[in-house]
Amino acid sequence: MVRYISGRVLGLVLVLLVTSFVVFSAVHLAPGDPVTFLMRGRPITPQARAAITEQYHLDDPFFTQYFKWLGDVVTGDFGRSVQFRQDVGTLINDKLPTTLFLIAYSMILICIFGIGLGILSALKPGIVDRTVLVGTGISTATPAFASGTVLIAVFGRMLGWFPTFGSGDDAGFTGRVQHLTLPAIALALTFTGLLARVTRAAMLDELGREHVEVARSRGVPGGEVVRKHVLRNALGPIVTVVGTMVASLMVSTSIVETVFSTDGVGSLLIRSVTNKDFPVVQALTLLIVAVFVIVNLIVDLLQPLIDPRLSLTQSTKRRGAS
């Protein structure tokens, strides 16, 4: 097990190193002078050019520049934002809590309704199952910006139940929940439909297994059969998909935060790409990739705990290899 974890951590580090190299190289692969690219083509004074050259070590050989930049990144120094004129790390730290709150809020909605609808669909064949399939199909196919626009029009403008912009940072926990409810619903709709379908498929697969039939033939109550013999064994693929969704939400927030004018990391990424604020784009790209690989690592490590059969299979493979 220790060897497996070490291998996964080593793979994580390698992925981050490759990503950092690609992200850093983009400055030099862009046409023209790197300083001109970083300044988005604006006129630049000799003093500003000298400051940027010193900051990015542009007078040094390419690999020297890269390793100096990587050393700064490891210590949390991502440089200065060209657009906002402040440290990138400070800029991201100021906006990250809003995005994390939105992701957590969305994941709660996704897990409650996605898993709940999936279980309901698997246990209630017929009209209930078909209704859930149609509803989840529609939600999965609806883009976040479209659902966000509808939510603003109906629940924000027509009914006036929720604010339609801002994150409620100054309104306390309750105010933040109120401001982020519509963005969280818009963000959760697509993923809820996907999780419901995965849950349904996993439940149906377990319901058809022999040990479930044996438990039923022995008179075990239906609720206990579902809870101990079906849902527990179906958690493997469900947890895998949930982990993937957590990482995917980091990217999807950019659309929702822009629609609802929410001042988070997602909207910051959109503005930075639009304004060619490359230091911010570099930092956010590394952050998103880091979230992906770390979440995938956590999911892989949790799988044997959720389903002991996987742990048994891994140990059998190791004995066979030795």
Foldseek 3Di string as FASTA:
>chain_A
DVVVLVVLVVVLVVVLVVLLVVLVCVLVVDPDDSLCLLLVNDDDDPVRSVVVCVQQVVVDDPVVSSVVCVVCVVVPFLDAWNVPGGTLSVLQVVFAVLLVVLLVLLLVVLCVLLLVLLVVLQVDPDPSVVVLLVQLVVLQPDALLRQLVVCCVPCCVPVNQADQAEQQPVPPPVSNCRHSVSLSCSLNRNSSSVSSNLNNVQQNVQCPDDVLVVCVVVPNDPVCSCVPRRNLRSVLVSLQSSLQSSLVSLQSSLSSCVRRVYRHLSVVCVVCVVSSRSSNVSVSSSVSSSSNSVSNSVSVVCNCVSPVVVVVVVVVVVVVVD
